[in-house]
């Protein structure tokens, strides 16, 4: 492999690792309202 191909493949591997790492981040569990907000869900909607 030439130098540019190795650089491209390393860059691609690093980019994939970063994307996978960022995709794994995030809050787990159900969303909760802020402490000073009342709980409004689940709501019951009127039926006809």
N, C-alpha and C. Protein backbone atom coordinates (compact mmCIF):
# COMPACT_ATOMS: atom_id res chain seq x y z
N UNK A 1 0.85 -1.18 0.00
CA UNK A 1 0.00 0.00 0.00
C UNK A 1 0.89 1.23 0.00
N UNK A 2 0.42 2.23 -0.69
CA UNK A 2 1.21 3.44 -0.68
C UNK A 2 0.86 4.29 0.53
N UNK A 3 1.56 5.35 0.67
CA UNK A 3 1.45 6.19 1.87
C UNK A 3 0.05 6.80 2.00
N UNK A 4 -0.52 7.25 0.88
CA UNK A 4 -1.83 7.89 0.93
C UNK A 4 -2.94 6.90 1.27
N UNK A 5 -2.81 5.69 0.82
CA UNK A 5 -3.81 4.67 1.13
C UNK A 5 -3.77 4.32 2.61
N UNK A 6 -2.58 4.22 3.17
CA UNK A 6 -2.47 3.95 4.61
C UNK A 6 -3.04 5.09 5.43
N UNK A 7 -2.76 6.33 5.03
CA UNK A 7 -3.28 7.48 5.74
C UNK A 7 -4.81 7.52 5.67
N UNK A 8 -5.35 7.21 4.48
CA UNK A 8 -6.80 7.19 4.31
C UNK A 8 -7.43 6.10 5.17
N UNK A 9 -6.83 4.93 5.21
CA UNK A 9 -7.41 3.84 5.99
C UNK A 9 -7.32 4.13 7.48
N UNK A 10 -6.23 4.70 7.92
CA UNK A 10 -6.13 5.07 9.35
C UNK A 10 -7.14 6.14 9.71
N UNK A 11 -7.31 7.12 8.83
CA UNK A 11 -8.30 8.18 9.08
C UNK A 11 -9.70 7.61 9.14
N UNK A 12 -10.00 6.69 8.26
CA UNK A 12 -11.32 6.07 8.26
C UNK A 12 -11.55 5.27 9.54
N UNK A 13 -10.55 4.54 9.98
CA UNK A 13 -10.68 3.77 11.22
C UNK A 13 -10.88 4.68 12.41
N UNK A 14 -10.15 5.78 12.48
CA UNK A 14 -10.30 6.73 13.58
C UNK A 14 -11.68 7.37 13.54
N UNK A 15 -12.16 7.73 12.35
CA UNK A 15 -13.49 8.34 12.24
C UNK A 15 -14.57 7.37 12.68
N UNK A 16 -14.44 6.10 12.29
CA UNK A 16 -15.43 5.10 12.70
C UNK A 16 -15.41 4.91 14.21
N UNK A 17 -14.24 4.88 14.80
CA UNK A 17 -14.14 4.74 16.25
C UNK A 17 -14.78 5.92 16.97
N UNK A 18 -14.58 7.12 16.46
CA UNK A 18 -15.19 8.30 17.08
C UNK A 18 -16.71 8.26 16.96
N UNK A 19 -17.21 7.88 15.80
CA UNK A 19 -18.65 7.82 15.61
C UNK A 19 -19.28 6.77 16.53
N UNK A 20 -18.65 5.62 16.64
CA UNK A 20 -19.18 4.58 17.52
C UNK A 20 -19.13 5.04 18.97
N UNK A 21 -18.06 5.70 19.35
CA UNK A 21 -17.95 6.20 20.72
C UNK A 21 -19.00 7.24 21.04
N UNK A 22 -19.28 8.13 20.10
CA UNK A 22 -20.29 9.15 20.35
C UNK A 22 -21.69 8.57 20.30
N UNK A 23 -21.91 7.56 19.49
CA UNK A 23 -23.22 6.94 19.42
C UNK A 23 -23.55 6.20 20.71
N UNK A 24 -22.54 5.76 21.42
CA UNK A 24 -22.77 5.02 22.65
C UNK A 24 -23.09 5.95 23.82
N UNK A 25 -22.80 7.23 23.68
CA UNK A 25 -23.07 8.17 24.77
C UNK A 25 -24.55 8.52 24.80
N UNK A 26 -25.03 8.90 25.93
CA UNK A 26 -26.42 9.33 26.04
C UNK A 26 -27.02 8.90 27.36
N UNK A 27 -28.14 9.52 27.66
CA UNK A 27 -28.83 9.21 28.89
C UNK A 27 -29.62 7.93 28.73
N UNK A 28 -29.59 7.11 29.71
CA UNK A 28 -30.35 5.88 29.69
C UNK A 28 -31.52 6.00 30.67
N UNK A 29 -32.62 5.41 30.29
CA UNK A 29 -33.78 5.44 31.16
C UNK A 29 -34.82 6.43 30.64
N UNK A 30 -35.99 6.43 31.26
CA UNK A 30 -37.06 7.31 30.80
C UNK A 30 -36.74 8.78 31.12
N UNK A 31 -37.23 9.70 30.30
CA UNK A 31 -37.00 11.12 30.57
C UNK A 31 -37.76 11.57 31.81
N UNK A 32 -37.19 12.48 32.53
CA UNK A 32 -37.83 13.01 33.73
C UNK A 32 -37.87 14.52 33.63
N UNK A 33 -38.95 15.15 34.14
CA UNK A 33 -39.04 16.61 34.06
C UNK A 33 -38.03 17.25 35.01
N UNK A 34 -37.71 18.52 34.81
CA UNK A 34 -36.84 19.23 35.75
C UNK A 34 -37.46 19.25 37.15
N UNK A 35 -36.63 19.47 38.12
CA UNK A 35 -37.09 19.42 39.52
C UNK A 35 -38.21 20.42 39.81
N UNK A 36 -38.18 21.60 39.19
CA UNK A 36 -39.17 22.63 39.51
C UNK A 36 -40.42 22.55 38.64
N UNK A 37 -40.52 21.57 37.75
CA UNK A 37 -41.68 21.41 36.88
C UNK A 37 -42.56 20.28 37.40
N UNK A 38 -43.89 20.45 37.30
CA UNK A 38 -44.77 19.36 37.74
C UNK A 38 -44.78 18.23 36.72
N UNK A 39 -45.12 17.05 37.19
CA UNK A 39 -45.22 15.88 36.33
C UNK A 39 -46.53 15.95 35.57
N UNK A 40 -46.48 16.03 34.24
CA UNK A 40 -47.70 16.19 33.44
C UNK A 40 -48.01 14.97 32.59
N UNK A 41 -47.19 13.96 32.61
CA UNK A 41 -47.42 12.77 31.79
C UNK A 41 -47.45 11.56 32.69
N UNK A 42 -48.16 10.55 32.42
CA UNK A 42 -49.06 10.36 31.29
C UNK A 42 -50.35 11.14 31.49
N UNK A 43 -50.88 11.63 30.41
CA UNK A 43 -52.12 12.39 30.44
C UNK A 43 -53.27 11.50 29.99
N UNK A 44 -54.45 11.84 30.47
CA UNK A 44 -55.65 11.20 29.95
C UNK A 44 -56.32 12.22 29.05
N UNK A 45 -56.59 11.81 27.84
CA UNK A 45 -57.22 12.70 26.87
C UNK A 45 -58.71 12.42 26.83
N UNK A 46 -59.48 13.48 26.60
CA UNK A 46 -60.94 13.27 26.56
C UNK A 46 -61.33 12.42 25.35
N UNK A 47 -62.35 11.60 25.54
CA UNK A 47 -62.88 10.81 24.43
C UNK A 47 -64.19 11.41 24.00
N UNK A 48 -64.57 11.12 22.79
CA UNK A 48 -65.82 11.69 22.28
C UNK A 48 -67.03 10.97 22.77
